Amino acid sequence: MTFPDLTPDIAPLMPELRGKLSANEALAPYTWFRVGGPAQLLFMPADAADLAYFLSHLPSDIPVTVIGLGSNLIVRDGGVAGVVIRLSAKGFGEIAVEENARLRVGAAVPDVKAARAAVDAGIDGLAFYRGIPGAIGGALRMNAGAHGGETKDTLIEARGVDRAGNMRIFSNADMGYSYRHCSAPADVIFTQALFQGRPGDSAVILAEMDRITQAREASQPIKEKTGGSTFKNPEGHKAWQLIDAAGCRGLIVGDAQVSEMHCNFLINRGAATAADIENLGETVRARVLETSGVELHWEIKRIGVA
């Protein structure tokens, strides 16, 4: 599918723009599943000021969608209308160690890189990010967590830009965190986070990160084309156990498969479409509901048109 090119209409409105605009840019290469159609217009801002400038000049009737490292994302086969914004490491990849065991991190920094920076600085409390695929921006938006830690446990403040181009600062309380949920306005694009850790022994923290790495490699299909954990854990249940009990381990739709190793992971075996993966997920949801009476909710974000 090809969308009408928005560039001739948008570019003249923002002559001082420094970031990159690309019409009908393929999004599959930006996702871990490697599936999906194009962005009508992909914008990669130079920095937070450039992002604010772009949003303040973008007509309000043009929809905006934000993607990060694409580890928790299905882009549907028809692509995404409007503007897709992706923050790059060049403009949003800063990491700064501050006093009192604090770490300031750009939204495009991979979670694992933030964890490593904390280790190098002797800051404890952020090792759990070693077990989370994705970048800090996504972690802020979904209160990402693993191995006993969550974003809400360590965040002091998050910075971002809203749809009107206003710079915003949110305290931990402002984020309204709950399990895999954030109540900050949906139109805010997070650009930076400030985390509070505690002084620690780098060797001890590194050992904990190694333990997390080994646990992931032993239990998750991290070398496959996957989107990470597919469904949220329902209250009082583990999603993978419900999926397994419903007989869905190894289930195949098209060229998408429920992982044999960890059945809360879906895999693109090589030639899957986004529709294959989403249909497989919906089949799993239906079977789990039928066998257990429990409704699974997607943790993976799905965007675009079929």
Protein backbone atom coordinates (compact mmCIF):
# COMPACT_ATOMS: atom_id res chain seq x y z
CA MET A 1 0.00 0.00 0.00
CA THR A 2 1.18 3.53 -0.79
CA PHE A 3 -0.22 6.65 0.90
CA PRO A 4 -0.47 10.13 -0.62
CA ASP A 5 2.76 12.02 0.06
CA LEU A 6 2.25 14.53 2.88
CA THR A 7 5.67 16.14 2.51
CA PRO A 8 4.68 18.91 0.02
CA ASP A 9 1.92 20.03 2.37
CA ILE A 10 3.88 19.81 5.62
CA ALA A 11 7.46 20.83 4.82
CA PRO A 12 6.62 24.45 3.84
CA LEU A 13 4.93 24.94 7.23
CA MET A 14 8.16 24.28 9.13
CA PRO A 15 11.15 25.77 7.25
CA GLU A 16 13.47 25.50 10.27
CA LEU A 17 12.94 21.78 10.75
CA ARG A 18 16.22 19.91 11.30
CA GLY A 19 14.97 16.32 11.54
CA LYS A 20 14.38 13.86 8.73
CA LEU A 21 11.06 13.44 6.90
CA SER A 22 10.48 10.31 4.78
CA ALA A 23 7.28 9.61 2.83
CA ASN A 24 5.95 6.04 2.65
CA GLU A 25 8.87 4.73 4.70
CA ALA A 26 8.80 0.98 5.38
CA LEU A 27 8.30 0.31 9.10
CA ALA A 28 8.98 -3.43 9.13
CA PRO A 29 12.76 -2.91 9.51
CA TYR A 30 12.09 -0.88 12.66
CA THR A 31 10.19 -3.68 14.41
CA TRP A 32 11.43 -6.90 16.00
CA PHE A 33 8.73 -8.89 14.21
CA ARG A 34 9.95 -7.48 10.86
CA VAL A 35 6.40 -7.15 9.54
CA GLY A 36 4.00 -4.39 8.56
CA GLY A 37 3.33 -1.69 6.02
CA PRO A 38 4.77 1.82 5.62
CA ALA A 39 4.38 5.05 7.52
CA GLN A 40 2.59 7.68 5.45
CA LEU A 41 5.26 10.05 6.76
CA LEU A 42 8.11 9.07 9.08
CA PHE A 43 9.71 11.86 11.12
CA MET A 44 12.95 11.42 13.05
CA PRO A 45 13.54 14.62 15.05
CA ALA A 46 17.03 15.98 15.66
CA ASP A 47 16.35 16.59 19.36
CA ALA A 48 13.59 17.59 21.80
CA ALA A 49 13.48 21.19 20.55
CA ASP A 50 13.11 19.99 16.96
CA LEU A 51 10.32 17.63 18.03
CA ALA A 52 8.51 20.49 19.78
CA TYR A 53 8.92 22.71 16.70
CA PHE A 54 7.53 20.01 14.42
CA LEU A 55 4.49 19.28 16.59
CA SER A 56 3.69 22.97 17.11
CA HIS A 57 3.57 23.48 13.31
CA LEU A 58 1.89 20.22 12.33
CA PRO A 59 -1.79 20.64 11.39
CA SER A 60 -3.95 19.31 14.20
CA ASP A 61 -5.98 17.06 11.91
CA ILE A 62 -2.96 14.90 11.01
CA PRO A 63 -2.69 11.89 13.35
CA VAL A 64 0.58 11.20 15.16
CA THR A 65 1.86 7.75 16.15
CA VAL A 66 5.06 7.14 18.11
CA ILE A 67 7.29 4.10 17.87
CA GLY A 68 10.47 3.21 19.72
CA LEU A 69 12.74 0.21 19.18
CA GLY A 70 9.75 -1.80 17.95
CA SER A 71 10.20 -4.66 20.40
CA ASN A 72 6.64 -4.53 21.70
CA LEU A 73 4.89 -3.66 18.47
CA ILE A 74 2.88 -5.04 15.56
CA VAL A 75 2.59 -2.70 12.58
CA ARG A 76 -0.37 -3.92 10.54
CA ASP A 77 0.14 -4.75 6.88
CA GLY A 78 -1.68 -1.70 5.50
CA GLY A 79 0.72 0.67 7.24
CA VAL A 80 0.12 3.73 9.42
CA ALA A 81 -1.67 6.84 8.18
CA GLY A 82 -0.49 10.27 9.22
CA VAL A 83 2.88 10.90 10.85
CA VAL A 84 4.94 8.25 12.61
CA ILE A 85 7.59 9.67 14.93
CA ARG A 86 10.66 7.68 15.89
CA LEU A 87 13.24 9.04 18.30
CA SER A 88 16.83 8.18 17.38
CA ALA A 89 19.82 7.61 19.60
CA LYS A 90 21.53 10.58 17.98
CA GLY A 91 19.09 13.10 19.44
CA PHE A 92 17.67 11.21 22.40
CA GLY A 93 20.47 8.89 23.47
CA GLU A 94 22.07 10.86 26.28
CA ILE A 95 23.04 9.20 29.56
CA ALA A 96 24.23 11.35 32.46
CA VAL A 97 25.19 10.25 35.96
CA GLU A 98 24.02 12.77 38.56
CA GLU A 99 24.75 13.05 42.26
CA ASN A 100 22.94 11.00 44.89
CA ALA A 101 22.81 7.86 42.72
CA ARG A 102 20.65 9.38 40.00
CA LEU A 103 20.74 8.60 36.29
CA ARG A 104 19.31 10.83 33.53
CA VAL A 105 18.52 8.88 30.37
CA GLY A 106 17.20 9.81 26.92
CA ALA A 107 14.04 8.12 25.69
CA ALA A 108 15.82 6.37 22.79
CA VAL A 109 18.34 4.63 25.05
CA PRO A 110 17.79 0.85 25.07
CA ASP A 111 16.75 -0.41 28.49
CA VAL A 112 19.76 -2.73 28.66
CA LYS A 113 22.13 0.18 27.96
CA ALA A 114 20.59 2.16 30.84
CA ALA A 115 21.11 -0.84 33.12
CA ARG A 116 24.74 -1.11 32.08
CA ALA A 117 25.32 2.60 32.63
CA ALA A 118 23.95 2.23 36.16
CA VAL A 119 26.33 -0.65 36.83
CA ASP A 120 29.30 1.35 35.59
CA ALA A 121 28.31 4.19 37.91
CA GLY A 122 27.80 1.89 40.92
CA ILE A 123 24.05 2.62 41.00
CA ASP A 124 21.84 -0.20 42.25
CA GLY A 125 18.10 -0.53 41.58
CA LEU A 126 18.05 -0.44 37.77
CA ALA A 127 19.39 -3.94 37.00
CA PHE A 128 15.87 -5.17 36.16
CA TYR A 129 16.04 -3.16 32.91
CA ARG A 130 18.51 -5.78 31.66
CA GLY A 131 15.55 -8.10 31.22
CA ILE A 132 13.35 -5.72 29.22
CA PRO A 133 13.61 -5.38 25.43
CA GLY A 134 12.91 -1.90 24.16
CA ALA A 135 13.90 1.65 25.01
CA ILE A 136 13.30 3.99 27.93
CA GLY A 137 10.50 5.91 26.17
CA GLY A 138 8.44 2.74 25.92
CA ALA A 139 9.32 1.80 29.50
CA LEU A 140 7.94 5.15 30.67
CA ARG A 141 4.73 4.76 28.68
CA MET A 142 3.89 1.21 29.85
CA ASN A 143 5.54 1.08 33.30
CA ALA A 144 7.80 -1.67 32.01
CA GLY A 145 9.06 -4.14 34.56
CA ALA A 146 10.73 -7.51 34.99
CA HIS A 147 12.50 -9.62 37.60
CA GLY A 148 10.91 -7.88 40.57
CA GLY A 149 11.35 -4.28 39.44
CA GLU A 150 9.12 -1.75 37.66
CA THR A 151 9.67 1.70 36.19
CA LYS A 152 7.45 3.25 38.87
CA ASP A 153 9.87 2.03 41.55
CA THR A 154 12.76 4.15 40.30
CA LEU A 155 11.40 7.11 38.31
CA ILE A 156 11.75 10.63 39.70
CA GLU A 157 10.47 12.52 36.68
CA ALA A 158 9.81 12.13 32.98
CA ARG A 159 10.10 14.86 30.36
CA GLY A 160 8.16 15.00 27.13
CA VAL A 161 6.47 17.05 24.44
CA ASP A 162 2.70 17.18 23.92
CA ARG A 163 0.77 17.35 20.64
CA ALA A 164 0.76 21.15 20.70
CA GLY A 165 4.56 21.24 21.01
CA ASN A 166 4.69 22.16 24.70
CA MET A 167 7.56 20.83 26.82
CA ARG A 168 6.16 18.97 29.83
CA ILE A 169 7.62 17.55 33.06
CA PHE A 170 5.85 14.78 34.95
CA SER A 171 6.61 13.63 38.48
CA ASN A 172 6.33 9.96 39.37
CA ALA A 173 2.89 10.66 40.85
CA ASP A 174 1.83 12.53 37.70
CA MET A 175 2.46 9.38 35.66
CA GLY A 176 -0.40 7.52 37.37
CA TYR A 177 1.35 4.19 37.15
CA SER A 178 -0.27 0.79 37.59
CA TYR A 179 0.54 -2.63 36.11
CA ARG A 180 1.78 -2.03 32.53
CA HIS A 181 -0.14 1.25 32.45
CA CYS A 182 0.57 4.97 32.56
CA SER A 183 -2.08 7.67 33.01
CA ALA A 184 -0.03 10.53 31.57
CA PRO A 185 -1.75 12.17 28.58
CA ALA A 186 -1.67 9.87 25.55
CA ASP A 187 -0.45 12.65 23.26
CA VAL A 188 2.80 13.18 25.20
CA ILE A 189 5.97 11.88 23.56
CA PHE A 190 8.48 11.15 26.31
CA THR A 191 11.99 12.42 25.63
CA GLN A 192 13.91 11.84 28.86
CA ALA A 193 13.75 10.19 32.29
CA LEU A 194 15.45 10.80 35.62
CA PHE A 195 15.87 7.70 37.77
CA GLN A 196 16.69 7.35 41.45
CA GLY A 197 18.89 4.42 42.39
CA ARG A 198 20.99 3.73 45.45
CA PRO A 199 24.74 3.34 45.93
CA GLY A 200 25.82 -0.21 45.22
CA ASP A 201 28.74 -2.50 44.48
CA SER A 202 29.20 -2.75 40.71
CA ALA A 203 30.39 -6.36 40.95
CA VAL A 204 27.29 -7.38 42.89
CA ILE A 205 24.97 -5.52 40.51
CA LEU A 206 26.72 -7.04 37.50
CA ALA A 207 26.23 -10.51 38.97
CA GLU A 208 22.50 -9.80 39.26
CA MET A 209 22.40 -8.65 35.64
CA ASP A 210 24.20 -11.82 34.56
CA ARG A 211 21.58 -13.86 36.43
CA ILE A 212 18.80 -12.00 34.60
CA THR A 213 20.55 -12.56 31.26
CA GLN A 214 20.90 -16.28 31.89
CA ALA A 215 17.27 -16.55 32.99
CA ARG A 216 16.08 -14.83 29.79
CA GLU A 217 18.24 -16.95 27.52
CA ALA A 218 17.04 -20.14 29.21
CA SER A 219 13.33 -19.34 29.11
CA GLN A 220 12.62 -16.89 26.26
CA PRO A 221 13.06 -17.12 22.47
CA ILE A 222 15.22 -13.99 22.38
CA LYS A 223 17.01 -14.99 19.17
CA GLU A 224 13.74 -15.23 17.20
CA LYS A 225 11.72 -12.54 15.44
CA THR A 226 9.36 -11.88 18.32
CA GLY A 227 7.66 -9.02 20.13
CA GLY A 228 8.42 -10.07 23.68
CA SER A 229 5.66 -10.84 26.14
CA THR A 230 2.39 -10.86 24.19
CA PHE A 231 -0.33 -10.69 26.85
CA LYS A 232 -0.53 -9.08 30.26
CA ASN A 233 -0.69 -11.40 33.23
CA PRO A 234 -4.33 -11.43 34.41
CA GLU A 235 -4.94 -10.85 38.12
CA GLY A 236 -4.03 -14.05 39.95
CA HIS A 237 -2.77 -15.84 36.83
CA LYS A 238 0.26 -16.17 34.59
CA ALA A 239 -0.60 -15.71 30.93
CA TRP A 240 1.78 -18.41 29.72
CA GLN A 241 0.21 -21.02 31.99
CA LEU A 242 -3.28 -20.22 30.70
CA ILE A 243 -2.03 -20.41 27.11
CA ASP A 244 -0.31 -23.71 27.76
CA ALA A 245 -3.38 -25.17 29.46
CA ALA A 246 -5.46 -24.15 26.44
CA GLY A 247 -3.24 -26.29 24.22
CA CYS A 248 -1.72 -23.38 22.33
CA ARG A 249 1.99 -24.08 22.78
CA GLY A 250 3.45 -24.38 19.26
CA LEU A 251 0.18 -23.32 17.58
CA ILE A 252 0.69 -22.01 14.02
CA VAL A 253 -1.28 -19.51 11.91
CA GLY A 254 0.28 -18.77 8.51
CA ASP A 255 3.97 -18.46 9.29
CA ALA A 256 3.43 -17.19 12.84
CA GLN A 257 3.81 -19.53 15.79
CA VAL A 258 3.32 -19.60 19.54
CA SER A 259 6.79 -20.22 20.94
CA GLU A 260 7.53 -23.75 22.11
CA MET A 261 9.99 -22.31 24.63
CA HIS A 262 7.71 -19.68 26.21
CA CYS A 263 4.11 -19.67 25.06
CA ASN A 264 3.44 -16.03 25.92
CA PHE A 265 5.76 -15.20 23.01
CA LEU A 266 4.68 -15.19 19.35
CA ILE A 267 7.26 -15.77 16.62
CA ASN A 268 7.59 -14.81 12.98
CA ARG A 269 9.08 -18.00 11.53
CA GLY A 270 10.30 -16.04 8.52
CA ALA A 271 7.45 -15.23 6.16
CA ALA A 272 4.64 -14.24 8.53
CA THR A 273 2.49 -11.20 7.84
CA ALA A 274 1.29 -8.87 10.55
CA ALA A 275 -2.16 -10.39 10.02
CA ASP A 276 -0.75 -13.87 10.70
CA ILE A 277 0.70 -12.73 14.01
CA GLU A 278 -2.36 -10.79 15.13
CA ASN A 279 -4.74 -13.57 14.07
CA LEU A 280 -2.63 -16.07 16.00
CA GLY A 281 -2.85 -13.87 19.07
CA GLU A 282 -6.62 -13.56 18.74
CA THR A 283 -6.91 -17.34 18.32
CA VAL A 284 -4.95 -17.81 21.54
CA ARG A 285 -7.19 -15.30 23.35
CA ALA A 286 -10.32 -17.13 22.19
CA ARG A 287 -9.03 -20.54 23.26
CA VAL A 288 -7.91 -19.29 26.66
CA LEU A 289 -11.30 -17.67 27.24
CA GLU A 290 -13.05 -20.88 26.21
CA THR A 291 -10.95 -23.17 28.42
CA SER A 292 -10.42 -21.00 31.50
CA GLY A 293 -12.99 -18.21 31.37
CA VAL A 294 -10.13 -15.70 31.64
CA GLU A 295 -9.80 -12.91 29.06
CA LEU A 296 -6.25 -12.11 28.02
CA HIS A 297 -5.36 -8.52 27.13
CA TRP A 298 -2.67 -7.61 24.64
CA GLU A 299 0.56 -6.23 26.06
CA ILE A 300 1.98 -5.79 22.55
CA LYS A 301 0.86 -2.55 20.92
CA ARG A 302 -0.84 -2.92 17.52
CA ILE A 303 -0.98 0.06 15.15
CA GLY A 304 -2.04 0.83 11.59
CA VAL A 305 -4.61 -0.52 9.17
CA ALA A 306 -5.01 -4.13 8.11
